[in-house]
Protein backbone atom coordinates (compact mmCIF):
# COMPACT_ATOMS: atom_id res chain seq x y z
CA MET A 1 74.02 102.26 168.48
CA PRO A 2 72.05 104.81 166.40
CA PRO A 3 73.37 107.92 164.93
CA ARG A 4 74.08 110.80 167.59
CA VAL A 5 72.35 113.88 167.69
CA GLN A 6 73.42 116.88 169.19
CA ILE A 7 71.39 120.13 170.12
CA LYS A 8 72.83 123.33 171.15
CA GLY A 9 71.30 126.92 171.30
CA VAL A 10 73.69 129.60 168.81
CA ARG A 11 72.41 133.03 167.82
CA GLU A 12 70.59 131.90 164.93
CA GLY A 13 68.35 129.56 167.00
CA LEU A 14 69.82 125.91 167.44
CA LEU A 15 72.72 124.09 165.90
CA VAL A 16 71.83 120.24 165.43
CA SER A 17 74.95 118.19 164.64
CA LEU A 18 74.17 115.12 163.02
CA GLY A 19 76.45 111.82 163.81
CA GLU A 20 77.77 109.81 160.95
CA GLY A 21 76.56 107.13 159.12
CA ASP A 22 74.19 105.77 156.27
CA TRP A 23 71.99 109.08 155.79
CA LEU A 24 68.47 106.97 156.33
CA ASP A 25 69.46 106.06 159.74
CA VAL A 26 71.17 109.60 160.54
CA LYS A 27 67.49 111.08 159.40
CA ARG A 28 65.76 108.15 161.20
CA ALA A 29 67.54 109.09 164.40
CA LEU A 30 66.92 113.43 163.64
CA ILE A 31 63.58 112.47 163.37
CA GLU A 32 63.35 110.80 166.77
CA GLN A 33 64.88 112.99 168.50
CA PHE A 34 62.54 115.96 167.27
CA ASP A 35 59.45 113.42 168.46
CA GLN A 36 60.96 112.76 171.40
CA GLN A 37 61.34 116.80 172.05
CA LYS A 38 58.03 117.93 170.17
CA ASP A 39 57.26 119.83 172.93
CA PHE A 40 60.03 121.91 173.14
CA LEU A 41 61.13 122.07 169.81
CA ARG A 42 57.72 123.16 168.14
CA GLY A 43 58.42 126.80 166.54
CA ALA A 44 62.05 126.61 166.73
CA LYS A 45 64.34 127.68 163.74
CA ILE A 46 67.45 125.45 163.47
CA PHE A 47 70.65 124.91 161.50
CA LEU A 48 71.40 121.74 160.49
CA ASP A 49 75.17 120.38 160.57
CA VAL A 50 75.54 117.30 158.29
CA GLY A 51 78.90 116.92 158.07
CA SER A 52 80.25 115.04 155.48
CA GLN A 53 77.14 113.69 153.96
CA ILE A 54 76.31 114.53 150.28
CA LEU A 55 72.67 115.67 150.13
CA HIS A 56 71.10 116.69 146.72
CA ALA A 57 67.75 118.73 146.65
CA VAL A 58 65.54 115.52 146.87
CA GLU A 59 67.30 114.56 149.79
CA LEU A 60 67.21 117.86 151.40
CA SER A 61 63.57 118.93 150.29
CA MET A 62 62.40 116.05 152.14
CA LEU A 63 63.88 116.43 155.18
CA ARG A 64 62.74 120.28 155.13
CA ASP A 65 59.38 118.77 154.70
CA ASP A 66 59.56 116.15 157.53
CA ILE A 67 60.95 118.69 160.06
CA SER A 68 58.04 121.42 158.94
CA GLU A 69 55.07 118.74 160.19
CA ARG A 70 56.39 119.02 163.43
CA GLY A 71 56.16 122.85 163.43
CA ILE A 72 60.03 123.37 162.97
CA MET A 73 61.76 125.71 161.11
CA LEU A 74 64.83 124.58 158.81
CA TRP A 75 66.59 127.81 158.58
CA GLY A 76 70.16 126.11 157.55
CA VAL A 77 72.25 124.14 156.67
CA LEU A 78 76.10 123.48 157.55
CA SER A 79 78.24 120.81 155.17
CA ASN A 80 81.67 119.94 154.41
CA SER A 81 80.35 118.72 151.17
CA PRO A 82 80.47 121.27 148.44
CA THR A 83 77.66 119.46 146.94
CA THR A 84 75.24 119.85 149.94
CA GLU A 85 76.15 123.40 150.23
CA GLN A 86 75.26 124.06 146.94
CA THR A 87 71.85 122.26 147.05
CA ALA A 88 71.11 124.02 149.75
CA GLN A 89 71.77 127.42 149.03
CA THR A 90 69.75 126.29 146.11
CA LEU A 91 66.60 125.77 148.49
CA GLY A 92 66.92 129.46 149.89
CA LEU A 93 68.69 127.82 153.13
CA ALA A 94 71.85 129.77 154.95
CA THR A 95 75.32 127.97 154.52
CA ARG A 96 76.71 129.94 157.47
CA LEU A 97 76.74 130.69 161.04
CA SER A 98 77.31 134.29 162.45
CA LYS A 99 79.13 133.16 166.03
CA PRO A 100 79.80 129.36 165.84
CA SER A 101 81.94 129.71 169.15
CA ALA A 102 79.37 131.36 170.96
CA SER A 103 77.50 128.46 171.36
CA VAL A 104 75.75 126.64 174.49
CA LEU A 105 74.95 123.39 175.14
CA TYR A 106 71.35 123.11 175.24
CA ARG A 107 69.35 121.89 178.00
CA SER A 108 65.34 120.71 177.58
CA THR A 109 64.55 122.75 180.97
CA ALA A 110 66.20 125.90 179.67
CA MET A 111 63.96 126.02 176.16
CA PRO A 112 61.69 128.49 176.04
CA ASP A 113 57.94 127.14 175.31
CA THR A 114 57.19 128.28 171.93
CA SER A 115 54.06 126.72 171.43
CA ALA A 116 50.87 128.43 170.70
CA ARG A 117 48.76 129.78 173.59
CA ASP A 118 45.48 131.30 172.03
CA GLY A 119 47.10 132.53 169.11
CA GLU A 120 49.68 134.58 170.55
CA ALA A 121 52.99 132.77 170.45
CA ALA A 122 55.36 134.40 167.18
CA VAL A 123 58.11 133.22 165.82
CA LEU A 124 60.69 135.96 164.27
CA VAL A 125 62.19 135.65 160.61
CA HIS A 126 65.19 138.22 160.16
CA LYS A 127 65.59 137.17 156.13
CA THR A 128 63.90 137.26 152.64
CA LEU A 129 62.11 133.95 152.32
CA ARG A 130 62.77 132.93 148.58
CA SER A 131 60.97 131.06 146.17
CA GLY A 132 60.47 127.21 147.42
CA VAL A 133 60.55 128.04 150.97
CA SER A 134 57.61 127.29 153.22
CA LEU A 135 57.55 128.89 156.53
CA LYS A 136 54.67 127.43 158.82
CA HIS A 137 54.08 127.99 162.46
CA ASP A 138 51.16 127.64 164.93
CA GLY A 139 51.18 131.47 166.32
CA HIS A 140 52.10 134.70 164.44
CA VAL A 141 54.83 134.99 161.98
CA ILE A 142 57.08 138.03 161.70
CA VAL A 143 59.21 138.44 158.68
CA LEU A 144 61.84 141.76 158.62
CA GLY A 145 62.99 141.01 154.66
CA ASP A 146 60.81 140.19 151.71
CA VAL A 147 58.40 137.36 150.90
CA ASN A 148 59.59 136.49 147.01
CA PRO A 149 56.69 134.96 144.63
CA GLY A 150 57.14 131.35 144.84
CA ALA A 151 58.02 131.68 148.72
CA GLU A 152 54.80 130.61 151.47
CA VAL A 153 53.87 131.50 154.87
CA CYS A 154 51.35 130.21 156.42
CA ALA A 155 50.48 130.72 159.79
CA GLY A 156 47.59 130.23 162.78
CA GLY A 157 47.80 133.89 163.94
CA SER A 158 48.65 137.15 162.23
CA VAL A 159 51.55 137.51 159.39
CA PHE A 160 53.65 140.86 159.75
CA VAL A 161 56.20 141.13 156.93
CA TRP A 162 58.52 144.51 157.29
CA GLY A 163 59.16 144.41 153.33
CA ARG A 164 57.42 143.11 150.25
CA LEU A 165 54.98 140.45 150.63
CA ARG A 166 54.67 138.94 147.24
CA GLY A 167 54.78 135.29 147.53
CA THR A 168 51.11 133.19 149.06
CA VAL A 169 50.17 133.94 152.56
CA HIS A 170 47.69 132.15 154.55
CA ALA A 171 46.77 133.60 157.84
CA GLY A 172 44.37 132.14 160.72
CA ALA A 173 45.50 128.85 159.22
CA ASN A 174 43.55 127.35 162.39
CA GLY A 175 40.38 129.20 161.63
CA ASP A 176 41.12 132.52 163.10
CA ASP A 177 38.74 134.91 161.23
CA GLU A 178 40.88 137.55 163.58
CA ALA A 179 43.68 137.48 161.90
CA VAL A 180 45.36 140.02 159.69
CA VAL A 181 48.31 140.41 157.26
CA CYS A 182 50.06 143.57 157.30
CA ALA A 183 52.77 144.33 154.83
CA LEU A 184 54.79 147.32 153.77
CA GLU A 185 54.09 145.90 150.27
CA LEU A 186 51.02 143.91 149.99
CA GLN A 187 51.06 142.39 146.46
CA PRO A 188 50.75 138.61 146.87
CA MET A 189 50.41 135.82 144.71
CA GLN A 190 47.24 134.59 146.65
CA LEU A 191 46.06 135.93 150.03
CA ARG A 192 44.26 133.70 152.62
CA ILE A 193 42.54 134.39 156.14
CA ALA A 194 41.16 131.29 157.75
CA ASP A 195 38.86 129.96 155.18
CA HIS A 196 38.57 133.11 152.79
CA ILE A 197 40.93 133.73 149.65
CA ALA A 198 41.92 136.50 147.77
CA VAL A 199 44.02 136.94 144.77
CA PRO A 200 44.87 141.06 145.02
CA PRO A 201 44.40 142.98 142.05
CA GLN A 202 47.82 144.40 140.46
CA LYS A 203 48.56 147.80 142.03
CA ARG A 204 49.13 151.00 140.52
CA GLY A 205 51.55 153.89 141.71
CA ARG A 206 53.49 154.04 144.66
CA PRO A 207 53.25 151.01 147.23
CA LEU A 208 52.08 151.97 150.85
CA PRO A 209 51.81 149.73 153.83
CA GLU A 210 48.71 147.73 154.22
CA MET A 211 46.73 145.63 156.20
CA ALA A 212 44.24 142.61 155.23
CA ARG A 213 41.62 141.41 156.98
CA LEU A 214 38.09 140.02 157.07
CA VAL A 215 35.48 142.04 156.64
CA ASN A 216 31.72 140.85 156.66
CA GLY A 217 33.18 137.60 154.85
CA HIS A 218 35.07 139.34 152.16
CA VAL A 219 39.26 139.71 152.63
CA VAL A 220 40.03 143.58 152.68
CA ALA A 221 43.10 145.91 152.42
CA GLU A 222 43.26 148.75 154.04
CA GLY A 223 46.12 151.51 154.87
CA TRP A 224 48.47 150.15 157.86
CA ASN A 225 49.60 152.73 160.33
CA TYR A 226 52.55 150.69 161.82
CA LYS A 227 53.27 153.52 163.36
CA LYS A 228 50.60 153.38 165.76
């Protein structure tokens, strides 16, 4: 019997609990489960309960990449192992749930469809994205927090950062020239909209909310009146 994978809904998104066994077998069972439910899980944010598995940076980074390729965001890791917990924290992942007792059994028929429809689907991230974190989504991305240097956001639609954007951002990754990038402080290491790349110059003075968009084939930043 393959290791059992259980999925529950929690306040933070989805809690995925893994069964015991050899890590390669456990990981294989997890990826197979995600592939079977890809239409429902695409765009989801998950917490992974790995039990007593001892995972180092290589194993956890590879797992995060495999999950990300399926349009799923690894938000945090729960573990009984101090080594695994430290690894997760080093990679910028959360290691605590706010209300684990409030979880309910996940049913695929009750899962909202978060797949992109004409670029209008969005994922909300209520967290600062630290160095090494890569967030990818087929629709819009909204970050309530900062995007630190070394972090990356890639969206099929627009990107809205309610904080400081100092990492790398790619909006309109599927070729959407009308995508925009908005931030309360727009100072990315690299900014890309569709196939157009810009490296904004260093700013002086007080930072103001700005919106970057394509104008005549060039990435232009202008004042963003987010109160409208």
